[in-house]
């Protein structure tokens, strides 16, 4: 799913930066406050505890489905 401003292209870069800092796989929580289509939350769901939020209920519903679906 593509929307203007989505972070699909930079999600791997965000993950790489967190990995370099040693912040993955150490029981931390990511709060994705404006989750949109869930690109960042989905990229990090296996390495962090993820909490999502968005002003649009559709975005939360879509992202929740994306996070719960098997890869």
Protein backbone atom coordinates (compact mmCIF):
# COMPACT_ATOMS: atom_id res chain seq x y z
CA UNK A 1 0.00 0.00 0.00
CA UNK A 2 1.45 3.38 -0.96
CA UNK A 3 0.59 6.78 0.45
CA UNK A 4 2.42 10.07 0.13
CA UNK A 5 4.86 10.23 3.02
CA UNK A 6 5.01 6.52 3.71
CA UNK A 7 8.25 5.22 5.19
CA UNK A 8 8.52 1.94 3.31
CA UNK A 9 11.77 3.01 1.63
CA UNK A 10 13.49 4.18 4.82
CA UNK A 11 12.27 1.44 7.20
CA UNK A 12 15.40 -0.69 6.50
CA UNK A 13 17.61 2.33 7.23
CA UNK A 14 15.81 2.94 10.53
CA UNK A 15 16.26 -0.72 11.45
CA UNK A 16 19.96 -0.60 10.54
CA UNK A 17 20.51 2.51 12.68
CA UNK A 18 18.80 0.88 15.67
CA UNK A 19 20.86 -2.27 15.15
CA UNK A 20 24.11 -0.28 15.07
CA UNK A 21 23.14 1.30 18.41
CA UNK A 22 22.43 -2.14 19.90
CA UNK A 23 18.77 -1.37 20.49
CA UNK A 24 17.20 -4.39 18.81
CA UNK A 25 16.33 -7.68 20.53
CA UNK A 26 16.72 -6.24 24.03
CA UNK A 27 13.09 -6.05 25.20
CA UNK A 28 12.48 -2.39 24.30
CA UNK A 29 9.17 -0.95 23.10
CA UNK A 30 8.66 1.12 19.96
CA UNK A 31 5.68 3.49 20.07
CA UNK A 32 4.78 4.26 16.46
CA UNK A 33 2.61 7.29 17.23
CA UNK A 34 1.59 8.00 13.62
CA UNK A 35 1.74 4.50 12.19
CA UNK A 36 0.09 5.23 8.83
CA UNK A 37 0.46 2.06 6.76
CA UNK A 38 2.74 0.45 9.34
CA UNK A 39 6.00 0.31 7.40
CA UNK A 40 8.23 1.06 10.38
CA UNK A 41 6.24 -1.04 12.85
CA UNK A 42 6.24 -3.99 10.45
CA UNK A 43 9.98 -3.72 9.84
CA UNK A 44 10.67 -3.83 13.57
CA UNK A 45 7.97 -6.18 14.86
CA UNK A 46 10.39 -9.09 15.27
CA UNK A 47 12.98 -7.05 17.17
CA UNK A 48 10.97 -4.73 19.44
CA UNK A 49 7.68 -4.68 21.31
CA UNK A 50 5.54 -2.52 19.04
CA UNK A 51 2.68 -0.22 20.07
CA UNK A 52 0.80 1.61 17.34
CA UNK A 53 -1.43 4.66 17.17
CA UNK A 54 -2.81 7.00 14.53
CA UNK A 55 -5.48 9.66 14.22
CA UNK A 56 -7.13 7.59 11.49
CA UNK A 57 -8.81 4.43 12.76
CA UNK A 58 -8.25 2.87 9.32
CA UNK A 59 -4.50 3.19 9.74
CA UNK A 60 -4.54 1.45 13.12
CA UNK A 61 -6.76 -1.35 11.78
CA UNK A 62 -4.61 -1.82 8.66
CA UNK A 63 -1.34 -1.77 10.60
CA UNK A 64 -2.66 -4.17 13.25
CA UNK A 65 -3.50 -6.62 10.46
CA UNK A 66 -0.08 -6.14 8.91
CA UNK A 67 1.63 -6.81 12.24
CA UNK A 68 -0.42 -9.90 13.03
CA UNK A 69 -0.16 -11.52 9.58
CA UNK A 70 2.56 -14.11 9.07
CA UNK A 71 5.40 -12.94 6.83
